[in-house]
Amino acid sequence: MKKVALFFLKPLSFLPALLMMYLIFQFSAQTGELSGNLSYEVSYKIVEIGNEVLDKGLDEWTIGQYAYEIEYPIRKLAHMTEYFLLAVAVSFPFYVYGLRGFPLMLVAGLICVAFACGDEYHQSFVEGRGPSVKDVCIDSIGAFGGILTVRLICWLFLTPARVAKRQEAYAYRKMEARRRAQRERRRRY
């Protein structure tokens, strides 16, 4: 029964990756003006929160000026974050299916970079947007970080269980070898 449930549930593990791809596609489908406004609003909110937390007493114009200055880095950080999350969502299911090490990095990396290229191509058809090799590189850095994070988390949390299982199997084989040796000695005498 467990195997049947896993057979049907394993493919669903790719659902978060598909949802993340859909989300990225929707962000890329925004016009240049809409996308720029969203980036500015996020930047403005960050500066506004910083102003309140640090109690700087900045006026609206100064907050707007700082928001304008950090808009570009915030926008690029958003690119990295999107692809970081995509890589995590792509890597975990492959890990569940048994893909580990360099093959995991290669397959998940190729999927994420290919999606980044396709996404930039998609932007060439959106008003006020255009493709950017720089954005593909930024996306790829985020994806690489996501894949490394998955590998690190799986190594930290799953490797001890595998090591314990191997040690248990080794102890069992050793015990069985002793039993066989004892039986063999008894048979000889």
N, C-alpha and C. Protein backbone atom coordinates (compact mmCIF):
# COMPACT_ATOMS: atom_id res chain seq x y z
N MET A 1 0.82 -1.20 0.00
CA MET A 1 0.00 0.00 0.00
C MET A 1 0.86 1.26 0.00
N LYS A 2 1.94 1.22 0.82
CA LYS A 2 2.83 2.38 0.91
C LYS A 2 3.48 2.69 -0.45
N LYS A 3 3.88 1.63 -1.16
CA LYS A 3 4.51 1.82 -2.47
C LYS A 3 3.54 2.42 -3.47
N VAL A 4 2.29 2.01 -3.41
CA VAL A 4 1.27 2.55 -4.31
C VAL A 4 1.05 4.04 -4.02
N ALA A 5 0.97 4.38 -2.75
CA ALA A 5 0.78 5.79 -2.37
C ALA A 5 1.96 6.63 -2.83
N LEU A 6 3.18 6.12 -2.63
CA LEU A 6 4.36 6.86 -3.08
C LEU A 6 4.40 7.00 -4.59
N PHE A 7 3.96 5.96 -5.29
CA PHE A 7 3.94 6.00 -6.75
C PHE A 7 3.10 7.16 -7.25
N PHE A 8 1.98 7.42 -6.59
CA PHE A 8 1.10 8.50 -7.01
C PHE A 8 1.49 9.86 -6.42
N LEU A 9 2.10 9.86 -5.24
CA LEU A 9 2.45 11.11 -4.59
C LEU A 9 3.78 11.71 -5.07
N LYS A 10 4.72 10.86 -5.46
CA LYS A 10 6.02 11.37 -5.90
C LYS A 10 5.91 12.39 -7.04
N PRO A 11 5.13 12.11 -8.08
CA PRO A 11 5.02 13.12 -9.16
C PRO A 11 4.48 14.47 -8.67
N LEU A 12 3.68 14.46 -7.62
CA LEU A 12 3.15 15.71 -7.08
C LEU A 12 4.24 16.56 -6.42
N SER A 13 5.39 15.95 -6.15
CA SER A 13 6.49 16.71 -5.55
C SER A 13 7.03 17.77 -6.50
N PHE A 14 6.69 17.66 -7.78
CA PHE A 14 7.11 18.68 -8.74
C PHE A 14 6.14 19.86 -8.80
N LEU A 15 5.01 19.76 -8.13
CA LEU A 15 4.01 20.82 -8.15
C LEU A 15 4.54 22.18 -7.67
N PRO A 16 5.31 22.25 -6.57
CA PRO A 16 5.86 23.56 -6.18
C PRO A 16 6.75 24.19 -7.26
N ALA A 17 7.52 23.37 -7.97
CA ALA A 17 8.37 23.89 -9.05
C ALA A 17 7.51 24.47 -10.17
N LEU A 18 6.45 23.78 -10.52
CA LEU A 18 5.56 24.28 -11.57
C LEU A 18 4.86 25.57 -11.14
N LEU A 19 4.46 25.63 -9.88
CA LEU A 19 3.84 26.85 -9.37
C LEU A 19 4.83 28.02 -9.36
N MET A 20 6.07 27.74 -9.00
CA MET A 20 7.10 28.79 -9.01
C MET A 20 7.36 29.28 -10.43
N MET A 21 7.37 28.36 -11.38
CA MET A 21 7.55 28.74 -12.78
C MET A 21 6.40 29.62 -13.25
N TYR A 22 5.20 29.27 -12.84
CA TYR A 22 4.03 30.07 -13.20
C TYR A 22 4.14 31.47 -12.61
N LEU A 23 4.57 31.56 -11.36
CA LEU A 23 4.73 32.85 -10.70
C LEU A 23 5.77 33.72 -11.40
N ILE A 24 6.90 33.13 -11.75
CA ILE A 24 7.95 33.86 -12.46
C ILE A 24 7.43 34.33 -13.82
N PHE A 25 6.71 33.46 -14.51
CA PHE A 25 6.14 33.81 -15.81
C PHE A 25 5.20 35.01 -15.67
N GLN A 26 4.38 35.00 -14.61
CA GLN A 26 3.43 36.11 -14.40
C GLN A 26 4.15 37.42 -14.12
N PHE A 27 5.22 37.37 -13.33
CA PHE A 27 6.00 38.59 -13.10
C PHE A 27 6.62 39.10 -14.39
N SER A 28 7.08 38.19 -15.22
CA SER A 28 7.70 38.58 -16.49
C SER A 28 6.68 39.11 -17.49
N ALA A 29 5.43 38.75 -17.32
CA ALA A 29 4.38 39.20 -18.24
C ALA A 29 3.92 40.62 -17.92
N GLN A 30 4.37 41.18 -16.80
CA GLN A 30 4.01 42.56 -16.45
C GLN A 30 4.74 43.52 -17.39
N THR A 31 4.06 44.60 -17.75
CA THR A 31 4.71 45.61 -18.60
C THR A 31 5.88 46.23 -17.84
N GLY A 32 6.75 46.88 -18.58
CA GLY A 32 7.90 47.53 -17.97
C GLY A 32 7.49 48.55 -16.92
N GLU A 33 6.45 49.31 -17.23
CA GLU A 33 5.99 50.34 -16.30
C GLU A 33 5.44 49.70 -15.02
N LEU A 34 4.61 48.69 -15.16
CA LEU A 34 4.02 48.02 -14.01
C LEU A 34 5.10 47.36 -13.15
N SER A 35 6.04 46.71 -13.80
CA SER A 35 7.14 46.05 -13.09
C SER A 35 8.00 47.07 -12.36
N GLY A 36 8.29 48.18 -13.01
CA GLY A 36 9.09 49.24 -12.39
C GLY A 36 8.38 49.84 -11.19
N ASN A 37 7.07 50.06 -11.32
CA ASN A 37 6.29 50.60 -10.21
C ASN A 37 6.29 49.65 -9.02
N LEU A 38 6.16 48.37 -9.29
CA LEU A 38 6.17 47.37 -8.23
C LEU A 38 7.52 47.37 -7.50
N SER A 39 8.60 47.42 -8.27
CA SER A 39 9.94 47.47 -7.67
C SER A 39 10.10 48.71 -6.81
N TYR A 40 9.62 49.85 -7.32
CA TYR A 40 9.73 51.09 -6.56
C TYR A 40 8.91 51.01 -5.27
N GLU A 41 7.70 50.48 -5.36
CA GLU A 41 6.85 50.36 -4.16
C GLU A 41 7.50 49.48 -3.10
N VAL A 42 8.10 48.38 -3.52
CA VAL A 42 8.79 47.49 -2.58
C VAL A 42 9.98 48.22 -1.96
N SER A 43 10.74 48.91 -2.79
CA SER A 43 11.90 49.67 -2.29
C SER A 43 11.45 50.75 -1.32
N TYR A 44 10.38 51.44 -1.66
CA TYR A 44 9.86 52.51 -0.81
C TYR A 44 9.44 51.92 0.55
N LYS A 45 8.78 50.77 0.52
CA LYS A 45 8.32 50.13 1.77
C LYS A 45 9.52 49.72 2.62
N ILE A 46 10.57 49.22 1.99
CA ILE A 46 11.78 48.81 2.73
C ILE A 46 12.41 50.02 3.43
N VAL A 47 12.54 51.13 2.69
CA VAL A 47 13.12 52.35 3.28
C VAL A 47 12.20 52.89 4.38
N GLU A 48 10.91 52.83 4.14
CA GLU A 48 9.94 53.31 5.13
C GLU A 48 10.04 52.51 6.44
N ILE A 49 10.13 51.19 6.31
CA ILE A 49 10.27 50.33 7.50
C ILE A 49 11.60 50.61 8.19
N GLY A 50 12.66 50.75 7.40
CA GLY A 50 13.97 51.08 7.97
C GLY A 50 13.94 52.40 8.72
N ASN A 51 13.23 53.37 8.15
CA ASN A 51 13.09 54.68 8.79
C ASN A 51 12.40 54.55 10.14
N GLU A 52 11.34 53.74 10.19
CA GLU A 52 10.59 53.56 11.44
C GLU A 52 11.41 52.78 12.48
N VAL A 53 12.07 51.71 12.03
CA VAL A 53 12.84 50.88 12.96
C VAL A 53 14.03 51.66 13.53
N LEU A 54 14.73 52.38 12.66
CA LEU A 54 15.92 53.13 13.09
C LEU A 54 15.59 54.51 13.63
N ASP A 55 14.31 54.88 13.56
CA ASP A 55 13.83 56.18 14.06
C ASP A 55 14.67 57.34 13.51
N LYS A 56 14.77 57.38 12.17
CA LYS A 56 15.58 58.41 11.50
C LYS A 56 14.80 59.69 11.27
N GLY A 57 13.49 59.63 11.21
CA GLY A 57 12.68 60.83 11.00
C GLY A 57 12.80 61.41 9.59
N LEU A 58 12.93 60.53 8.59
CA LEU A 58 13.05 60.99 7.20
C LEU A 58 11.70 61.48 6.69
N ASP A 59 11.72 62.51 5.85
CA ASP A 59 10.47 62.96 5.24
C ASP A 59 10.18 62.12 4.00
N GLU A 60 8.98 62.28 3.43
CA GLU A 60 8.55 61.46 2.29
C GLU A 60 9.48 61.61 1.09
N TRP A 61 9.93 62.82 0.82
CA TRP A 61 10.79 63.05 -0.33
C TRP A 61 12.11 62.29 -0.17
N THR A 62 12.69 62.31 1.02
CA THR A 62 13.97 61.62 1.27
C THR A 62 13.77 60.10 1.19
N ILE A 63 12.66 59.63 1.73
CA ILE A 63 12.36 58.20 1.64
C ILE A 63 12.25 57.80 0.17
N GLY A 64 11.57 58.62 -0.61
CA GLY A 64 11.44 58.37 -2.06
C GLY A 64 12.79 58.38 -2.75
N GLN A 65 13.68 59.26 -2.35
CA GLN A 65 15.02 59.34 -2.95
C GLN A 65 15.81 58.07 -2.65
N TYR A 66 15.78 57.65 -1.38
CA TYR A 66 16.48 56.41 -1.01
C TYR A 66 15.86 55.20 -1.72
N ALA A 67 14.55 55.19 -1.84
CA ALA A 67 13.86 54.10 -2.53
C ALA A 67 14.31 54.02 -3.98
N TYR A 68 14.46 55.17 -4.61
CA TYR A 68 14.91 55.22 -5.99
C TYR A 68 16.34 54.66 -6.10
N GLU A 69 17.18 54.98 -5.12
CA GLU A 69 18.58 54.53 -5.14
C GLU A 69 18.72 53.02 -4.96
N ILE A 70 17.83 52.42 -4.16
CA ILE A 70 17.95 50.97 -3.92
C ILE A 70 17.06 50.13 -4.83
N GLU A 71 16.30 50.79 -5.69
CA GLU A 71 15.36 50.04 -6.54
C GLU A 71 16.06 49.01 -7.42
N TYR A 72 17.15 49.39 -8.07
CA TYR A 72 17.86 48.47 -8.97
C TYR A 72 18.40 47.25 -8.22
N PRO A 73 19.13 47.44 -7.09
CA PRO A 73 19.60 46.25 -6.36
C PRO A 73 18.45 45.38 -5.84
N ILE A 74 17.36 46.01 -5.41
CA ILE A 74 16.20 45.25 -4.93
C ILE A 74 15.62 44.42 -6.07
N ARG A 75 15.56 45.01 -7.24
CA ARG A 75 15.02 44.32 -8.42
C ARG A 75 15.87 43.09 -8.76
N LYS A 76 17.18 43.26 -8.72
CA LYS A 76 18.08 42.14 -9.04
C LYS A 76 18.06 41.09 -7.94
N LEU A 77 17.92 41.53 -6.70
CA LEU A 77 17.80 40.59 -5.59
C LEU A 77 16.51 39.77 -5.73
N ALA A 78 15.47 40.41 -6.23
CA ALA A 78 14.21 39.69 -6.47
C ALA A 78 14.42 38.60 -7.53
N HIS A 79 15.18 38.93 -8.59
CA HIS A 79 15.51 37.93 -9.61
C HIS A 79 16.20 36.74 -8.96
N MET A 80 17.22 37.02 -8.15
CA MET A 80 17.97 35.95 -7.51
C MET A 80 17.09 35.11 -6.61
N THR A 81 16.24 35.78 -5.86
CA THR A 81 15.36 35.09 -4.92
C THR A 81 14.37 34.18 -5.64
N GLU A 82 13.79 34.68 -6.73
CA GLU A 82 12.85 33.85 -7.51
C GLU A 82 13.51 32.56 -7.97
N TYR A 83 14.71 32.68 -8.50
CA TYR A 83 15.38 31.50 -9.04
C TYR A 83 16.00 30.63 -7.95
N PHE A 84 16.31 31.23 -6.81
CA PHE A 84 16.73 30.44 -5.65
C PHE A 84 15.58 29.52 -5.26
N LEU A 85 14.39 30.09 -5.13
CA LEU A 85 13.20 29.31 -4.75
C LEU A 85 12.85 28.28 -5.82
N LEU A 86 12.99 28.66 -7.09
CA LEU A 86 12.73 27.71 -8.17
C LEU A 86 13.69 26.52 -8.08
N ALA A 87 14.97 26.81 -7.85
CA ALA A 87 15.97 25.74 -7.77
C ALA A 87 15.69 24.81 -6.60
N VAL A 88 15.27 25.37 -5.47
CA VAL A 88 14.91 24.53 -4.33
C VAL A 88 13.71 23.65 -4.69
N ALA A 89 12.72 24.25 -5.33
CA ALA A 89 11.51 23.51 -5.71
C ALA A 89 11.80 22.45 -6.77
N VAL A 90 12.79 22.66 -7.60
CA VAL A 90 13.17 21.69 -8.63
C VAL A 90 14.07 20.60 -8.04
N SER A 91 14.99 20.99 -7.17
CA SER A 91 16.00 20.05 -6.66
C SER A 91 15.44 19.01 -5.70
N PHE A 92 14.55 19.42 -4.79
CA PHE A 92 14.04 18.46 -3.81
C PHE A 92 13.37 17.25 -4.45
N PRO A 93 12.49 17.42 -5.43
CA PRO A 93 11.89 16.22 -6.04
C PRO A 93 12.92 15.30 -6.70
N PHE A 94 13.90 15.88 -7.34
CA PHE A 94 14.94 15.04 -7.95
C PHE A 94 15.71 14.29 -6.87
N TYR A 95 15.95 14.95 -5.76
CA TYR A 95 16.63 14.28 -4.65
C TYR A 95 15.78 13.12 -4.13
N VAL A 96 14.47 13.33 -4.04
CA VAL A 96 13.55 12.28 -3.61
C VAL A 96 13.60 11.09 -4.57
N TYR A 97 13.76 11.37 -5.85
CA TYR A 97 13.83 10.31 -6.86
C TYR A 97 15.21 9.65 -6.90
N GLY A 98 16.15 10.12 -6.07
CA GLY A 98 17.46 9.46 -5.97
C GLY A 98 18.57 10.14 -6.74
N LEU A 99 18.33 11.29 -7.31
CA LEU A 99 19.39 12.01 -8.02
C LEU A 99 20.20 12.78 -6.99
N ARG A 100 21.49 12.50 -6.92
CA ARG A 100 22.33 13.11 -5.89
C ARG A 100 23.62 13.66 -6.51
N GLY A 101 24.33 14.46 -5.75
CA GLY A 101 25.65 14.94 -6.13
C GLY A 101 25.65 15.80 -7.38
N PHE A 102 26.70 15.59 -8.20
CA PHE A 102 26.86 16.40 -9.41
C PHE A 102 25.70 16.24 -10.39
N PRO A 103 25.17 15.01 -10.59
CA PRO A 103 24.02 14.89 -11.50
C PRO A 103 22.83 15.75 -11.08
N LEU A 104 22.59 15.85 -9.77
CA LEU A 104 21.52 16.71 -9.28
C LEU A 104 21.79 18.16 -9.66
N MET A 105 23.03 18.61 -9.43
CA MET A 105 23.38 19.99 -9.76
C MET A 105 23.24 20.24 -11.25
N LEU A 106 23.65 19.29 -12.05
CA LEU A 106 23.60 19.44 -13.50
C LEU A 106 22.16 19.51 -14.00
N VAL A 107 21.34 18.55 -13.60
CA VAL A 107 19.96 18.49 -14.09
C VAL A 107 19.14 19.68 -13.60
N ALA A 108 19.17 19.93 -12.29
CA ALA A 108 18.41 21.06 -11.73
C ALA A 108 18.94 22.38 -12.28
N GLY A 109 20.25 22.49 -12.39
CA GLY A 109 20.85 23.71 -12.93
C GLY A 109 20.45 23.97 -14.37
N LEU A 110 20.47 22.92 -15.19
CA LEU A 110 20.08 23.08 -16.59
C LEU A 110 18.62 23.49 -16.72
N ILE A 111 17.76 22.89 -15.89
CA ILE A 111 16.34 23.25 -15.93
C ILE A 111 16.15 24.72 -15.57
N CYS A 112 16.79 25.15 -14.50
CA CYS A 112 16.64 26.54 -14.04
C CYS A 112 17.23 27.54 -15.02
N VAL A 113 18.40 27.25 -15.53
CA VAL A 113 19.03 28.18 -16.49
C VAL A 113 18.23 28.21 -17.80
N ALA A 114 17.77 27.06 -18.24
CA ALA A 114 16.94 27.03 -19.45
C ALA A 114 15.66 27.83 -19.24
N PHE A 115 15.06 27.71 -18.06
CA PHE A 115 13.85 28.47 -17.78
C PHE A 115 14.17 29.97 -17.74
N ALA A 116 15.32 30.33 -17.18
CA ALA A 116 15.73 31.74 -17.14
C ALA A 116 15.90 32.29 -18.56
N CYS A 117 16.51 31.51 -19.43
CA CYS A 117 16.67 31.93 -20.83
C CYS A 117 15.32 32.10 -21.51
N GLY A 118 14.45 31.12 -21.30
CA GLY A 118 13.11 31.20 -21.87
C GLY A 118 12.32 32.37 -21.32
N ASP A 119 12.52 32.66 -20.06
CA ASP A 119 11.84 33.78 -19.41
C ASP A 119 12.30 35.12 -20.01
N GLU A 120 13.58 35.24 -20.22
CA GLU A 120 14.10 36.47 -20.83
C GLU A 120 13.60 36.61 -22.27
N TYR A 121 13.54 35.50 -22.98
CA TYR A 121 13.00 35.53 -24.34
C TYR A 121 11.53 35.98 -24.30
N HIS A 122 10.78 35.44 -23.34
CA HIS A 122 9.38 35.81 -23.17
C HIS A 122 9.25 37.32 -22.94
N GLN A 123 10.17 37.91 -22.18
CA GLN A 123 10.11 39.34 -21.89
C GLN A 123 10.30 40.19 -23.15
N SER A 124 10.93 39.63 -24.16
CA SER A 124 11.12 40.41 -25.40
C SER A 124 9.80 40.69 -26.10
N PHE A 125 8.74 39.99 -25.72
CA PHE A 125 7.42 40.22 -26.32
C PHE A 125 6.52 41.08 -25.44
N VAL A 126 7.04 41.51 -24.29
CA VAL A 126 6.24 42.29 -23.34
C VAL A 126 6.60 43.77 -23.50
N GLU A 127 5.58 44.59 -23.51
CA GLU A 127 5.76 46.04 -23.70
C GLU A 127 6.66 46.62 -22.60
N GLY A 128 7.69 47.34 -23.02
CA GLY A 128 8.58 48.01 -22.08
C GLY A 128 9.59 47.09 -21.43
N ARG A 129 9.67 45.84 -21.87
CA ARG A 129 10.63 44.88 -21.31
C ARG A 129 11.51 44.38 -22.44
N GLY A 130 12.61 43.79 -22.07
CA GLY A 130 13.51 43.22 -23.06
C GLY A 130 14.36 42.13 -22.44
N PRO A 131 14.94 41.28 -23.28
CA PRO A 131 15.79 40.21 -22.77
C PRO A 131 17.12 40.78 -22.27
N SER A 132 17.70 40.11 -21.27
CA SER A 132 18.96 40.57 -20.70
C SER A 132 19.81 39.36 -20.30
N VAL A 133 21.00 39.28 -20.88
CA VAL A 133 21.93 38.21 -20.52
C VAL A 133 22.35 38.38 -19.06
N LYS A 134 22.48 39.63 -18.63
CA LYS A 134 22.84 39.92 -17.24
C LYS A 134 21.81 39.32 -16.28
N ASP A 135 20.53 39.44 -16.62
CA ASP A 135 19.49 38.86 -15.77
C ASP A 135 19.57 37.34 -15.74
N VAL A 136 19.91 36.72 -16.86
CA VAL A 136 20.07 35.26 -16.88
C VAL A 136 21.22 34.87 -15.95
N CYS A 137 22.30 35.64 -15.97
CA CYS A 137 23.43 35.35 -15.07
C CYS A 137 23.02 35.51 -13.61
N ILE A 138 22.29 36.58 -13.30
CA ILE A 138 21.81 36.80 -11.93
C ILE A 138 20.86 35.67 -11.52
N ASP A 139 19.96 35.29 -12.41
CA ASP A 139 19.04 34.18 -12.14
C ASP A 139 19.82 32.89 -11.87
N SER A 140 20.86 32.67 -12.66
CA SER A 140 21.67 31.46 -12.52
C SER A 140 22.39 31.42 -11.19
N ILE A 141 22.86 32.57 -10.72
CA ILE A 141 23.51 32.62 -9.40
C ILE A 141 22.51 32.23 -8.32
N GLY A 142 21.30 32.77 -8.41
CA GLY A 142 20.25 32.41 -7.45
C GLY A 142 19.93 30.93 -7.50
N ALA A 143 19.84 30.38 -8.71
CA ALA A 143 19.54 28.95 -8.88
C ALA A 143 20.65 28.09 -8.29
N PHE A 144 21.89 28.46 -8.56
CA PHE A 144 23.03 27.71 -8.04
C PHE A 144 23.00 27.72 -6.50
N GLY A 145 22.67 28.88 -5.93
CA GLY A 145 22.55 28.97 -4.47
C GLY A 145 21.45 28.07 -3.93
N GLY A 146 20.34 27.99 -4.64
CA GLY A 146 19.23 27.13 -4.22
C GLY A 146 19.60 25.65 -4.28
N ILE A 147 20.30 25.27 -5.33
CA ILE A 147 20.71 23.87 -5.48
C ILE A 147 21.70 23.51 -4.37
N LEU A 148 22.66 24.39 -4.11
CA LEU A 148 23.63 24.13 -3.04
C LEU A 148 22.94 24.05 -1.68
N THR A 149 21.94 24.88 -1.48
CA THR A 149 21.19 24.84 -0.22
C THR A 149 20.49 23.50 -0.04
N VAL A 150 19.86 23.01 -1.11
CA VAL A 150 19.20 21.70 -1.04
C VAL A 150 20.22 20.61 -0.73
N ARG A 151 21.35 20.65 -1.41
CA ARG A 151 22.37 19.63 -1.17
C ARG A 151 22.87 19.68 0.26
N LEU A 152 23.06 20.88 0.79
CA LEU A 152 23.54 21.04 2.16
C LEU A 152 22.49 20.54 3.16
N ILE A 153 21.25 20.92 2.97
CA ILE A 153 20.18 20.49 3.88
C ILE A 153 20.04 18.97 3.85
N CYS A 154 20.04 18.41 2.66
CA CYS A 154 19.90 16.95 2.55
C CYS A 154 21.10 16.24 3.16
N TRP A 155 22.28 16.80 2.96
CA TRP A 155 23.49 16.20 3.53
C TRP A 155 23.44 16.25 5.05
N LEU A 156 23.02 17.39 5.60
CA LEU A 156 22.97 17.54 7.06
C LEU A 156 21.93 16.65 7.72
N PHE A 157 20.75 16.54 7.09
CA PHE A 157 19.65 15.85 7.74
C PHE A 157 19.44 14.41 7.28
N LEU A 158 19.83 14.10 6.06
CA LEU A 158 19.57 12.74 5.56
C LEU A 158 20.79 11.83 5.62
N THR A 159 21.98 12.39 5.52
CA THR A 159 23.19 11.58 5.54
C THR A 159 23.35 10.83 6.86
N PRO A 160 23.13 11.46 8.03
CA PRO A 160 23.26 10.68 9.27
C PRO A 160 22.36 9.44 9.30
N ALA A 161 21.17 9.54 8.75
CA ALA A 161 20.26 8.38 8.72
C ALA A 161 20.83 7.29 7.81
N ARG A 162 21.39 7.69 6.66
CA ARG A 162 21.98 6.70 5.75
C ARG A 162 23.21 6.05 6.38
N VAL A 163 24.03 6.84 7.08
CA VAL A 163 25.22 6.31 7.73
C VAL A 163 24.81 5.32 8.82
N ALA A 164 23.79 5.67 9.60
CA ALA A 164 23.31 4.77 10.65
C ALA A 164 22.79 3.47 10.04
N LYS A 165 22.11 3.57 8.92
CA LYS A 165 21.59 2.38 8.24
C LYS A 165 22.74 1.48 7.76
N ARG A 166 23.78 2.10 7.19
CA ARG A 166 24.94 1.33 6.73
C ARG A 166 25.64 0.66 7.91
N GLN A 167 25.79 1.38 9.02
CA GLN A 167 26.45 0.82 10.20
C GLN A 167 25.64 -0.36 10.74
N GLU A 168 24.33 -0.22 10.73
CA GLU A 168 23.46 -1.29 11.18
C GLU A 168 23.61 -2.51 10.28
N ALA A 169 23.65 -2.29 8.98
CA ALA A 169 23.81 -3.39 8.03
C ALA A 169 25.18 -4.06 8.21
N TYR A 170 26.21 -3.24 8.44
CA TYR A 170 27.55 -3.78 8.65
C TYR A 170 27.58 -4.64 9.92
N ALA A 171 26.96 -4.14 11.00
CA ALA A 171 26.92 -4.89 12.26
C ALA A 171 26.17 -6.20 12.07
N TYR A 172 25.09 -6.16 11.30
CA TYR A 172 24.30 -7.37 11.04
C TYR A 172 25.13 -8.39 10.25
N ARG A 173 25.84 -7.92 9.22
CA ARG A 173 26.68 -8.83 8.42
C ARG A 173 27.79 -9.43 9.28
N LYS A 174 28.37 -8.62 10.15
CA LYS A 174 29.43 -9.10 11.02
C LYS A 174 28.90 -10.16 11.99
N MET A 175 27.72 -9.93 12.55
CA MET A 175 27.10 -10.87 13.46
C MET A 175 26.79 -12.19 12.74
N GLU A 176 26.26 -12.07 11.52
CA GLU A 176 25.96 -13.27 10.74
C GLU A 176 27.23 -14.04 10.41
N ALA A 177 28.32 -13.35 10.13
CA ALA A 177 29.60 -14.02 9.84
C ALA A 177 30.09 -14.77 11.07
N ARG A 178 29.94 -14.19 12.25
CA ARG A 178 30.33 -14.87 13.49
C ARG A 178 29.49 -16.12 13.70
N ARG A 179 28.18 -16.01 13.47
CA ARG A 179 27.30 -17.16 13.64
C ARG A 179 27.68 -18.29 12.69
N ARG A 180 27.97 -17.93 11.44
CA ARG A 180 28.38 -18.96 10.47
C ARG A 180 29.68 -19.62 10.89
N ALA A 181 30.61 -18.81 11.39
CA ALA A 181 31.90 -19.34 11.83
C ALA A 181 31.70 -20.29 13.02
N GLN A 182 30.83 -19.92 13.95
CA GLN A 182 30.56 -20.79 15.11
C GLN A 182 29.92 -22.10 14.66
N ARG A 183 28.96 -22.01 13.74
CA ARG A 183 28.31 -23.22 13.23
C ARG A 183 29.33 -24.12 12.53
N GLU A 184 30.22 -23.50 11.80
CA GLU A 184 31.25 -24.26 11.07
C GLU A 184 32.18 -24.96 12.05
N ARG A 185 32.56 -24.26 13.12
CA ARG A 185 33.42 -24.88 14.14
C ARG A 185 32.72 -26.05 14.83
N ARG A 186 31.44 -25.88 15.13
CA ARG A 186 30.67 -26.95 15.79
C ARG A 186 30.58 -28.17 14.90
N ARG A 187 30.39 -27.91 13.59
CA ARG A 187 30.27 -29.02 12.64
C ARG A 187 31.58 -29.78 12.54
N ARG A 188 32.69 -29.11 12.61
CA ARG A 188 33.99 -29.77 12.48
C ARG A 188 34.29 -30.65 13.68
N TYR A 189 33.83 -30.28 14.86
CA TYR A 189 34.15 -31.04 16.09
C TYR A 189 33.07 -31.94 16.46
